């Protein structure tokens, strides 16, 4: 584990910690919104469980501290997911986050994590409530549309709980299928909707805190 400490000056604003596992396009939407004042908060830390995640570079380019926190060393040492979650909780607590955003974070947290940050963790998921929980949800929805089972899918932001892609919904939007859609064209539109929705959801939650 390593942490890069390109610290931002303390501003007294609310603090957001963003957790990612991949390219960080949703993170970029959050960073851009914070930069122009659409999100009235400081992105105080970006965490990834994957060292090669391009989202870490996005954060560094924006002057945001980053933390690489992999699970593999815990597995090698015979430690549990709960051990991992406990240590990550300790690391995040040092940043005193007002909100933790799971934006493409590919790791299922145990109850320990949510006990520490109760009501402060939100998750972006590219499916509508009660549909296509878990991984590959965009592709699973597209295949269901091709079979004539659904006419649309969408994305949501919800309060995260131990159950995967469950919890009270904060915001959601429908992304309809076009007759000439390919998996790639539909995924592109879904991601564009996600970028808008995550910013709107963060604005909504911050207004309540």
C-alpha atoms as a PDB file:
ATOM      1  CA  UNK A   1       0.000   0.000   0.000  1.00  0.00           C
ATOM      2  CA  UNK A   2       1.193   3.488  -0.750  1.00  0.00           C
ATOM      3  CA  UNK A   3      -0.149   6.969  -0.460  1.00  0.00           C
ATOM      4  CA  UNK A   4       0.810  10.018  -2.478  1.00  0.00           C
ATOM      5  CA  UNK A   5       0.517  13.173  -0.435  1.00  0.00           C
ATOM      6  CA  UNK A   6       0.059  16.003  -2.878  1.00  0.00           C
ATOM      7  CA  UNK A   7      -2.109  17.640  -0.231  1.00  0.00           C
ATOM      8  CA  UNK A   8      -4.653  20.312  -0.980  1.00  0.00           C
ATOM      9  CA  UNK A   9      -4.858  23.314   1.276  1.00  0.00           C
ATOM     10  CA  UNK A  10      -7.601  23.013   3.861  1.00  0.00           C
ATOM     11  CA  UNK A  11     -10.547  25.084   2.756  1.00  0.00           C
ATOM     12  CA  UNK A  12     -13.144  24.354   5.426  1.00  0.00           C
ATOM     13  CA  UNK A  13     -15.429  22.945   2.713  1.00  0.00           C
ATOM     14  CA  UNK A  14     -17.071  19.557   2.928  1.00  0.00           C
ATOM     15  CA  UNK A  15     -14.781  16.695   1.990  1.00  0.00           C
ATOM     16  CA  UNK A  16     -15.473  13.960  -0.523  1.00  0.00           C
ATOM     17  CA  UNK A  17     -13.464  10.753  -0.881  1.00  0.00           C
ATOM     18  CA  UNK A  18     -13.922   8.918  -4.188  1.00  0.00           C
ATOM     19  CA  UNK A  19     -13.195   5.201  -4.573  1.00  0.00           C
ATOM     20  CA  UNK A  20     -12.444   3.818  -8.034  1.00  0.00           C
ATOM     21  CA  UNK A  21     -11.058   0.706  -9.707  1.00  0.00           C
ATOM     22  CA  UNK A  22     -10.677   1.715 -13.337  1.00  0.00           C
ATOM     23  CA  UNK A  23     -10.341   4.537 -15.835  1.00  0.00           C
ATOM     24  CA  UNK A  24     -12.143   7.054 -13.676  1.00  0.00           C
ATOM     25  CA  UNK A  25     -14.454   8.723 -16.185  1.00  0.00           C
ATOM     26  CA  UNK A  26     -17.067   9.247 -13.482  1.00  0.00           C
ATOM     27  CA  UNK A  27     -14.337  10.563 -11.223  1.00  0.00           C
ATOM     28  CA  UNK A  28     -13.429  13.044 -13.959  1.00  0.00           C
ATOM     29  CA  UNK A  29     -17.023  14.258 -14.049  1.00  0.00           C
ATOM     30  CA  UNK A  30     -16.870  14.812 -10.295  1.00  0.00           C
ATOM     31  CA  UNK A  31     -13.509  16.594 -10.482  1.00  0.00           C
ATOM     32  CA  UNK A  32     -14.737  18.847 -13.296  1.00  0.00           C
ATOM     33  CA  UNK A  33     -17.930  19.710 -11.416  1.00  0.00           C
ATOM     34  CA  UNK A  34     -15.979  20.552  -8.271  1.00  0.00           C
ATOM     35  CA  UNK A  35     -13.559  22.714 -10.224  1.00  0.00           C
ATOM     36  CA  UNK A  36     -16.307  24.908 -11.681  1.00  0.00           C
ATOM     37  CA  UNK A  37     -18.314  25.026  -8.473  1.00  0.00           C
ATOM     38  CA  UNK A  38     -21.195  22.742  -9.426  1.00  0.00           C
ATOM     39  CA  UNK A  39     -20.166  20.592  -6.463  1.00  0.00           C
ATOM     40  CA  UNK A  40     -19.454  22.761  -3.422  1.00  0.00           C
ATOM     41  CA  UNK A  41     -16.950  20.439  -1.788  1.00  0.00           C
ATOM     42  CA  UNK A  42     -13.301  19.440  -1.831  1.00  0.00           C
ATOM     43  CA  UNK A  43     -12.303  16.128  -3.390  1.00  0.00           C
ATOM     44  CA  UNK A  44      -9.856  15.309  -0.621  1.00  0.00           C
ATOM     45  CA  UNK A  45      -8.747  11.804  -1.653  1.00  0.00           C
ATOM     46  CA  UNK A  46      -9.079   9.287  -4.483  1.00  0.00           C
ATOM     47  CA  UNK A  47      -8.599   5.620  -3.596  1.00  0.00           C
ATOM     48  CA  UNK A  48      -8.050   2.689  -5.929  1.00  0.00           C
ATOM     49  CA  UNK A  49      -7.629  -1.012  -5.256  1.00  0.00           C
ATOM     50  CA  UNK A  50      -5.880  -1.334  -8.628  1.00  0.00           C
ATOM     51  CA  UNK A  51      -2.487   0.244  -9.190  1.00  0.00           C
ATOM     52  CA  UNK A  52      -2.949   0.618 -12.956  1.00  0.00           C
ATOM     53  CA  UNK A  53      -6.274   2.459 -12.630  1.00  0.00           C
ATOM     54  CA  UNK A  54      -6.083   5.536 -14.850  1.00  0.00           C
ATOM     55  CA  UNK A  55      -8.320   7.315 -12.372  1.00  0.00           C
ATOM     56  CA  UNK A  56      -5.281   7.709 -10.112  1.00  0.00           C
ATOM     57  CA  UNK A  57      -3.582   9.707 -12.854  1.00  0.00           C
ATOM     58  CA  UNK A  58      -6.699  11.824 -13.306  1.00  0.00           C
ATOM     59  CA  UNK A  59      -6.621  12.635  -9.605  1.00  0.00           C
ATOM     60  CA  UNK A  60      -2.919  13.464  -9.595  1.00  0.00           C
ATOM     61  CA  UNK A  61      -3.371  15.744 -12.601  1.00  0.00           C
ATOM     62  CA  UNK A  62      -6.037  17.609 -10.626  1.00  0.00           C
ATOM     63  CA  UNK A  63      -3.822  17.902  -7.566  1.00  0.00           C
ATOM     64  CA  UNK A  64      -5.879  15.461  -5.502  1.00  0.00           C
ATOM     65  CA  UNK A  65      -4.087  13.064  -3.106  1.00  0.00           C
ATOM     66  CA  UNK A  66      -4.321   9.390  -4.036  1.00  0.00           C
ATOM     67  CA  UNK A  67      -4.203   6.137  -2.124  1.00  0.00           C
ATOM     68  CA  UNK A  68      -3.472   2.744  -3.663  1.00  0.00           C
ATOM     69  CA  UNK A  69      -4.973   0.133  -1.350  1.00  0.00           C
ATOM     70  CA  UNK A  70      -4.859  -3.394  -2.836  1.00  0.00           C
ATOM     71  CA  UNK A  71      -6.623  -6.463  -1.518  1.00  0.00           C
ATOM     72  CA  UNK A  72      -4.042  -8.979  -2.760  1.00  0.00           C
ATOM     73  CA  UNK A  73      -1.566  -8.544   0.145  1.00  0.00           C
ATOM     74  CA  UNK A  74      -4.366  -9.418   2.542  1.00  0.00           C
ATOM     75  CA  UNK A  75      -5.207 -12.561   0.609  1.00  0.00           C
ATOM     76  CA  UNK A  76      -1.549 -13.590   0.462  1.00  0.00           C
ATOM     77  CA  UNK A  77      -1.257 -13.104   4.224  1.00  0.00           C
ATOM     78  CA  UNK A  78      -4.407 -15.153   4.818  1.00  0.00           C
ATOM     79  CA  UNK A  79      -6.328 -12.165   6.112  1.00  0.00           C
ATOM     80  CA  UNK A  80     -10.047 -11.619   5.594  1.00  0.00           C
ATOM     81  CA  UNK A  81     -12.094  -9.056   3.714  1.00  0.00           C
ATOM     82  CA  UNK A  82     -13.073  -7.712   7.123  1.00  0.00           C
ATOM     83  CA  UNK A  83      -9.384  -7.103   7.911  1.00  0.00           C
ATOM     84  CA  UNK A  84      -9.020  -5.200   4.659  1.00  0.00           C
ATOM     85  CA  UNK A  85     -12.154  -3.156   5.283  1.00  0.00           C
ATOM     86  CA  UNK A  86     -11.056  -2.331   8.821  1.00  0.00           C
ATOM     87  CA  UNK A  87      -7.673  -1.025   7.685  1.00  0.00           C
ATOM     88  CA  UNK A  88      -9.154   0.953   4.806  1.00  0.00           C
ATOM     89  CA  UNK A  89     -11.692   2.432   7.202  1.00  0.00           C
ATOM     90  CA  UNK A  90      -8.838   3.576   9.429  1.00  0.00           C
ATOM     91  CA  UNK A  91      -7.053   5.178   6.469  1.00  0.00           C
ATOM     92  CA  UNK A  92     -10.165   7.011   5.294  1.00  0.00           C
ATOM     93  CA  UNK A  93     -11.110   8.190   8.776  1.00  0.00           C
ATOM     94  CA  UNK A  94      -7.913  10.239   8.842  1.00  0.00           C
ATOM     95  CA  UNK A  95      -9.392  12.350   6.028  1.00  0.00           C
ATOM     96  CA  UNK A  96     -12.651  12.922   7.935  1.00  0.00           C
ATOM     97  CA  UNK A  97     -14.870  12.556   4.846  1.00  0.00           C
ATOM     98  CA  UNK A  98     -18.354  14.025   4.771  1.00  0.00           C
ATOM     99  CA  UNK A  99     -19.193  11.791   1.821  1.00  0.00           C
ATOM    100  CA  UNK A 100     -17.665   8.674   0.270  1.00  0.00           C
ATOM    101  CA  UNK A 101     -18.510   8.062  -3.378  1.00  0.00           C
ATOM    102  CA  UNK A 102     -18.115   4.605  -4.922  1.00  0.00           C
ATOM    103  CA  UNK A 103     -17.592   5.456  -8.592  1.00  0.00           C
ATOM    104  CA  UNK A 104     -16.683   2.216 -10.316  1.00  0.00           C
ATOM    105  CA  UNK A 105     -15.259   0.635  -7.164  1.00  0.00           C
ATOM    106  CA  UNK A 106     -15.111  -3.109  -7.839  1.00  0.00           C
ATOM    107  CA  UNK A 107     -15.016  -4.421  -4.298  1.00  0.00           C
ATOM    108  CA  UNK A 108     -17.881  -5.497  -2.067  1.00  0.00           C
ATOM    109  CA  UNK A 109     -17.540  -4.033   1.407  1.00  0.00           C
ATOM    110  CA  UNK A 110     -18.454  -5.857   4.585  1.00  0.00           C
ATOM    111  CA  UNK A 111     -20.744  -4.429   7.261  1.00  0.00           C
ATOM    112  CA  UNK A 112     -17.685  -3.127   9.128  1.00  0.00           C
ATOM    113  CA  UNK A 113     -17.111  -0.421   6.537  1.00  0.00           C
ATOM    114  CA  UNK A 114     -20.702   0.784   6.576  1.00  0.00           C
ATOM    115  CA  UNK A 115     -20.861   0.821  10.370  1.00  0.00           C
ATOM    116  CA  UNK A 116     -18.014   3.317  10.444  1.00  0.00           C
ATOM    117  CA  UNK A 117     -19.413   5.518   7.673  1.00  0.00           C
ATOM    118  CA  UNK A 118     -23.138   5.049   8.213  1.00  0.00           C
ATOM    119  CA  UNK A 119     -25.176   7.207   5.841  1.00  0.00           C
ATOM    120  CA  UNK A 120     -22.062   8.639   4.205  1.00  0.00           C
ATOM    121  CA  UNK A 121     -21.439   6.121   1.411  1.00  0.00           C
ATOM    122  CA  UNK A 122     -23.135   6.362  -1.988  1.00  0.00           C
ATOM    123  CA  UNK A 123     -22.725   4.114  -5.013  1.00  0.00           C
ATOM    124  CA  UNK A 124     -23.188   4.627  -8.734  1.00  0.00           C
ATOM    125  CA  UNK A 125     -24.614   1.610 -10.555  1.00  0.00           C
ATOM    126  CA  UNK A 126     -25.449   1.391 -14.289  1.00  0.00           C
ATOM    127  CA  UNK A 127     -28.858  -0.201 -13.862  1.00  0.00           C
ATOM    128  CA  UNK A 128     -32.218   0.762 -12.417  1.00  0.00           C
ATOM    129  CA  UNK A 129     -33.352  -0.221  -8.901  1.00  0.00           C
ATOM    130  CA  UNK A 130     -33.968  -3.926  -8.552  1.00  0.00           C
ATOM    131  CA  UNK A 131     -32.513  -4.797 -11.956  1.00  0.00           C
ATOM    132  CA  UNK A 132     -29.145  -6.229 -13.011  1.00  0.00           C
ATOM    133  CA  UNK A 133     -27.312  -5.997  -9.711  1.00  0.00           C
ATOM    134  CA  UNK A 134     -23.630  -6.865  -9.773  1.00  0.00           C
ATOM    135  CA  UNK A 135     -21.094  -6.756 -12.576  1.00  0.00           C
ATOM    136  CA  UNK A 136     -21.585  -6.457 -16.358  1.00  0.00           C
ATOM    137  CA  UNK A 137     -24.994  -4.868 -15.840  1.00  0.00           C
ATOM    138  CA  UNK A 138     -24.882  -2.782 -19.022  1.00  0.00           C
ATOM    139  CA  UNK A 139     -24.148  -5.799 -21.204  1.00  0.00           C
ATOM    140  CA  UNK A 140     -26.687  -7.940 -19.383  1.00  0.00           C
ATOM    141  CA  UNK A 141     -29.344  -5.283 -19.941  1.00  0.00           C
ATOM    142  CA  UNK A 142     -28.441  -5.014 -23.615  1.00  0.00           C
ATOM    143  CA  UNK A 143     -28.779  -8.759 -24.054  1.00  0.00           C
ATOM    144  CA  UNK A 144     -32.149  -8.685 -22.277  1.00  0.00           C
ATOM    145  CA  UNK A 145     -33.296  -5.955 -24.689  1.00  0.00           C
ATOM    146  CA  UNK A 146     -32.185  -8.044 -27.656  1.00  0.00           C
ATOM    147  CA  UNK A 147     -34.307 -10.899 -26.326  1.00  0.00           C
ATOM    148  CA  UNK A 148     -37.294  -8.551 -26.131  1.00  0.00           C
ATOM    149  CA  UNK A 149     -37.478  -8.700 -22.337  1.00  0.00           C
ATOM    150  CA  UNK A 150     -37.018  -4.970 -21.639  1.00  0.00           C
ATOM    151  CA  UNK A 151     -37.398  -1.684 -23.532  1.00  0.00           C
ATOM    152  CA  UNK A 152     -34.993   0.395 -21.457  1.00  0.00           C
ATOM    153  CA  UNK A 153     -32.446   0.328 -18.699  1.00  0.00           C
ATOM    154  CA  UNK A 154     -30.756   3.169 -16.855  1.00  0.00           C
ATOM    155  CA  UNK A 155     -28.517   4.073 -13.969  1.00  0.00           C
ATOM    156  CA  UNK A 156     -28.911   5.060 -10.351  1.00  0.00           C
ATOM    157  CA  UNK A 157     -27.066   6.439  -7.368  1.00  0.00           C
ATOM    158  CA  UNK A 158     -28.039   4.956  -4.020  1.00  0.00           C
ATOM    159  CA  UNK A 159     -26.872   4.814  -0.440  1.00  0.00           C
ATOM    160  CA  UNK A 160     -24.545   1.824  -0.229  1.00  0.00           C
ATOM    161  CA  UNK A 161     -25.323  -1.061   2.124  1.00  0.00           C
ATOM    162  CA  UNK A 162     -23.763  -4.513   2.543  1.00  0.00           C
ATOM    163  CA  UNK A 163     -26.212  -5.967   0.003  1.00  0.00           C
ATOM    164  CA  UNK A 164     -24.842  -5.442  -3.517  1.00  0.00           C
ATOM    165  CA  UNK A 165     -26.387  -2.530  -5.447  1.00  0.00           C
ATOM    166  CA  UNK A 166     -29.162  -2.092  -2.910  1.00  0.00           C
ATOM    167  CA  UNK A 167     -29.955   0.729  -0.501  1.00  0.00           C
ATOM    168  CA  UNK A 168     -32.180   3.788  -0.717  1.00  0.00           C
ATOM    169  CA  UNK A 169     -32.130   5.413  -4.145  1.00  0.00           C
ATOM    170  CA  UNK A 170     -30.932   9.021  -4.309  1.00  0.00           C
ATOM    171  CA  UNK A 171     -31.325   9.639  -8.033  1.00  0.00           C
ATOM    172  CA  UNK A 172     -31.988   7.604 -11.154  1.00  0.00           C
ATOM    173  CA  UNK A 173     -32.429   8.128 -14.870  1.00  0.00           C
ATOM    174  CA  UNK A 174     -33.689   6.006 -17.732  1.00  0.00           C
ATOM    175  CA  UNK A 175     -31.500   5.284 -20.751  1.00  0.00           C
ATOM    176  CA  UNK A 176     -33.680   3.948 -23.554  1.00  0.00           C
ATOM    177  CA  UNK A 177     -32.507   1.620 -26.287  1.00  0.00           C
ATOM    178  CA  UNK A 178     -32.408   2.880 -29.869  1.00  0.00           C
ATOM    179  CA  UNK A 179     -33.361   0.492 -32.683  1.00  0.00           C
ATOM    180  CA  UNK A 180     -29.869   0.704 -34.201  1.00  0.00           C
ATOM    181  CA  UNK A 181     -27.974   0.406 -30.913  1.00  0.00           C
ATOM    182  CA  UNK A 182     -24.863  -1.701 -30.620  1.00  0.00           C
ATOM    183  CA  UNK A 183     -23.410  -2.690 -27.250  1.00  0.00           C
ATOM    184  CA  UNK A 184     -20.803   0.021 -27.737  1.00  0.00           C
ATOM    185  CA  UNK A 185     -23.227   2.824 -28.639  1.00  0.00           C
ATOM    186  CA  UNK A 186     -25.508   1.966 -25.748  1.00  0.00           C
ATOM    187  CA  UNK A 187     -22.635   1.818 -23.290  1.00  0.00           C
ATOM    188  CA  UNK A 188     -21.442   5.231 -24.469  1.00  0.00           C
ATOM    189  CA  UNK A 189     -24.858   6.767 -23.800  1.00  0.00           C
ATOM    190  CA  UNK A 190     -25.074   5.034 -20.446  1.00  0.00           C
ATOM    191  CA  UNK A 191     -21.740   6.451 -19.341  1.00  0.00           C
ATOM    192  CA  UNK A 192     -22.788   9.953 -20.405  1.00  0.00           C
ATOM    193  CA  UNK A 193     -25.913   9.566 -18.276  1.00  0.00           C
ATOM    194  CA  UNK A 194     -23.826   8.317 -15.358  1.00  0.00           C
ATOM    195  CA  UNK A 195     -21.590  11.392 -15.512  1.00  0.00           C
ATOM    196  CA  UNK A 196     -24.590  13.702 -15.225  1.00  0.00           C
ATOM    197  CA  UNK A 197     -26.333  11.627 -12.578  1.00  0.00           C
ATOM    198  CA  UNK A 198     -23.384  11.254 -10.203  1.00  0.00           C
ATOM    199  CA  UNK A 199     -22.915  15.019 -10.074  1.00  0.00           C
ATOM    200  CA  UNK A 200     -26.627  15.636  -9.472  1.00  0.00           C
ATOM    201  CA  UNK A 201     -26.726  12.986  -6.746  1.00  0.00           C
ATOM    202  CA  UNK A 202     -23.702  14.421  -4.950  1.00  0.00           C
ATOM    203  CA  UNK A 203     -25.286  17.880  -5.057  1.00  0.00           C
ATOM    204  CA  UNK A 204     -28.472  16.442  -3.580  1.00  0.00           C
ATOM    205  CA  UNK A 205     -26.731  14.561  -0.762  1.00  0.00           C
ATOM    206  CA  UNK A 206     -24.469  17.484   0.178  1.00  0.00           C
ATOM    207  CA  UNK A 207     -27.522  19.725   0.430  1.00  0.00           C
ATOM    208  CA  UNK A 208     -28.905  17.352   3.067  1.00  0.00           C
ATOM    209  CA  UNK A 209     -25.746  17.177   5.185  1.00  0.00           C
END
